Protein backbone atom coordinates (compact mmCIF):
# COMPACT_ATOMS: atom_id res chain seq x y z
CA CYS A 1 -7.66 98.19 40.07
CA PHE A 2 -5.20 97.25 37.38
CA ASN A 3 -5.95 93.56 37.50
CA VAL A 4 -5.39 91.85 34.15
CA THR A 5 -8.93 91.10 32.92
CA ASP A 6 -11.03 91.77 29.85
CA SER A 7 -13.33 94.17 31.82
CA ASP A 8 -12.87 97.37 33.79
CA PRO A 9 -13.41 97.20 36.62
CA CYS A 10 -12.44 93.63 37.03
CA PRO A 11 -15.18 91.12 38.01
CA THR A 12 -13.85 91.12 41.52
CA CYS A 13 -13.86 94.89 42.09
CA GLY A 14 -17.00 95.34 40.03
CA SER A 15 -19.10 93.04 42.33
CA ASP A 16 -21.79 94.58 44.51
CA GLN A 17 -20.86 92.01 47.18
CA ARG A 18 -17.40 93.55 47.93
CA ASP A 19 -16.55 95.87 50.85
CA ARG A 20 -15.70 99.19 49.03
CA THR A 21 -14.20 100.71 52.31
CA LYS A 22 -11.13 98.40 52.01
CA ILE A 23 -8.43 98.09 49.38
CA CYS A 24 -5.73 95.51 49.46
CA ILE A 25 -2.58 96.56 47.49
CA VAL A 26 -0.71 93.75 45.90
CA GLU A 27 2.36 93.66 43.61
CA GLN A 28 1.03 91.40 40.85
CA PRO A 29 -2.31 90.11 39.49
CA GLN A 30 -1.59 86.58 40.60
CA ASP A 31 -1.43 87.87 44.25
CA ILE A 32 -5.18 88.54 43.90
CA LEU A 33 -5.78 84.90 43.00
CA ALA A 34 -3.89 83.74 46.05
CA LEU A 35 -5.90 85.99 48.40
CA GLU A 36 -9.26 85.11 46.71
CA HIS A 37 -8.47 81.49 47.01
CA THR A 38 -8.75 81.83 50.92
CA GLY A 39 -12.34 83.14 50.64
CA VAL A 40 -11.67 85.47 53.59
CA TYR A 41 -10.97 88.86 52.12
CA LYS A 42 -14.09 90.68 50.72
CA GLY A 43 -12.67 94.09 49.79
CA LEU A 44 -11.29 95.60 46.69
CA TYR A 45 -7.79 95.37 45.19
CA HIS A 46 -5.17 97.58 43.64
CA VAL A 47 -2.32 95.96 41.63
CA LEU A 48 0.87 97.94 41.56
CA HIS A 49 2.40 95.84 38.79
CA GLY A 50 5.79 95.76 40.67
CA ALA A 51 7.57 97.00 43.75
CA ILE A 52 10.03 99.72 44.48
CA SER A 53 13.53 98.36 43.69
CA PRO A 54 16.34 100.89 43.39
CA THR A 55 18.83 98.19 42.43
CA GLU A 56 16.63 97.13 39.50
CA GLY A 57 15.91 100.71 38.52
CA VAL A 58 12.21 100.60 39.56
CA GLY A 59 11.09 103.78 41.26
CA THR A 60 7.81 105.12 42.48
CA ASP A 61 6.88 106.44 39.03
CA ASP A 62 7.27 103.02 37.49
CA ILE A 63 4.52 101.30 39.39
CA ARG A 64 0.83 102.27 39.88
CA ILE A 65 1.14 104.47 42.95
CA ARG A 66 -0.19 107.68 41.30
CA GLU A 67 -3.39 105.87 40.29
CA LEU A 68 -3.69 104.50 43.82
CA VAL A 69 -3.52 107.91 45.39
CA ASN A 70 -6.15 109.22 42.90
CA ARG A 71 -8.38 106.28 43.90
CA LEU A 72 -7.99 106.96 47.57
CA GLN A 73 -9.00 110.65 47.30
CA GLY A 74 -12.54 109.74 46.69
CA GLY A 75 -13.06 109.43 50.48
CA SER A 76 -14.99 106.15 50.61
CA VAL A 77 -11.95 104.00 51.49
CA LYS A 78 -11.39 103.64 55.24
CA GLU A 79 -8.60 100.97 55.27
CA VAL A 80 -5.66 100.08 52.98
CA ILE A 81 -4.13 96.65 53.49
CA LEU A 82 -0.56 96.39 52.32
CA GLY A 83 -0.20 92.99 50.73
CA THR A 84 3.30 93.41 49.19
CA ASN A 85 5.66 90.50 49.33
CA PRO A 86 7.74 89.94 52.48
CA ASN A 87 11.10 90.70 50.88
CA LEU A 88 13.30 93.81 50.68
CA GLU A 89 11.42 95.35 47.73
CA GLY A 90 8.02 94.57 49.24
CA GLU A 91 9.03 96.08 52.56
CA GLN A 92 10.39 99.20 50.86
CA THR A 93 7.17 99.63 48.95
CA ALA A 94 4.97 99.04 52.01
CA MET A 95 6.88 101.61 54.07
CA TYR A 96 6.70 104.10 51.28
CA LEU A 97 2.93 103.57 50.79
CA SER A 98 2.33 103.80 54.50
CA ARG A 99 4.01 107.16 54.71
CA LEU A 100 2.14 108.34 51.64
CA ILE A 101 -1.34 107.07 52.69
CA SER A 102 -1.38 107.74 56.46
CA PRO A 103 -1.70 111.60 56.12
CA LEU A 104 -4.92 111.04 54.14
CA GLY A 105 -6.62 109.81 57.32
CA ILE A 106 -6.95 106.20 56.01
CA ARG A 107 -6.11 103.29 58.27
CA VAL A 108 -3.11 101.43 56.90
CA THR A 109 -2.44 97.84 57.88
CA ARG A 110 -0.05 95.13 56.73
CA LEU A 111 -0.72 91.46 56.17
CA ALA A 112 0.44 89.45 59.15
CA ARG A 113 3.59 87.35 58.93
CA GLY A 114 4.81 84.31 60.81
CA LEU A 115 5.30 80.67 60.67
CA PRO A 116 3.54 78.74 57.80
CA PHE A 117 1.19 76.09 58.95
CA GLY A 118 2.81 72.68 59.18
CA THR A 119 6.38 73.81 59.52
CA GLU A 120 8.75 73.04 62.38
CA LEU A 121 10.42 75.88 64.39
CA GLU A 122 13.95 74.44 63.82
CA TYR A 123 13.63 75.08 60.09
CA ALA A 124 12.30 78.68 60.28
CA ASP A 125 14.66 81.48 59.44
CA ASP A 126 15.51 84.26 61.92
CA VAL A 127 13.43 86.94 60.19
CA THR A 128 10.27 84.68 60.16
CA LEU A 129 10.74 83.72 63.77
CA THR A 130 11.28 87.37 64.83
CA ARG A 131 8.08 88.46 63.02
CA ALA A 132 6.19 85.50 64.51
CA ILE A 133 7.25 86.43 68.00
CA GLU A 134 6.56 90.26 67.48
CA GLY A 135 3.15 89.50 65.84
CA ARG A 136 2.01 87.07 68.45
CA GLN A 137 -1.75 87.19 69.53
CA GLU A 138 -3.79 86.38 72.55
CA VAL A 139 -5.40 82.92 72.58
């Protein structure tokens, strides 16, 4: 999974309690810690160690995409959750991965975005408000 640990696989992905049909793709190892802190996600992880950034000279060969594709070809993964950051580089990476993974017959989803808990609408930026409106759910 390319998490930074002293064991391979890492303790999270090596656990028998994890759902091996789901892989959440994140940019950095600390992103795993943030997701694990919620206690909600019970699948596996794949750390890219970066995001596609043409302006920084980071291309698809510079992050762990090839290893991800090799991992997905085993056939046991049914869903990939794109957990890249909600910025230009994260969006580019997510779109690239979506186009790469979808033809494999694997469901591709993206972490939801919207208003952080405890904020006031008047202080939210346009992109956040737009995504919150577009991603609204039934109650």
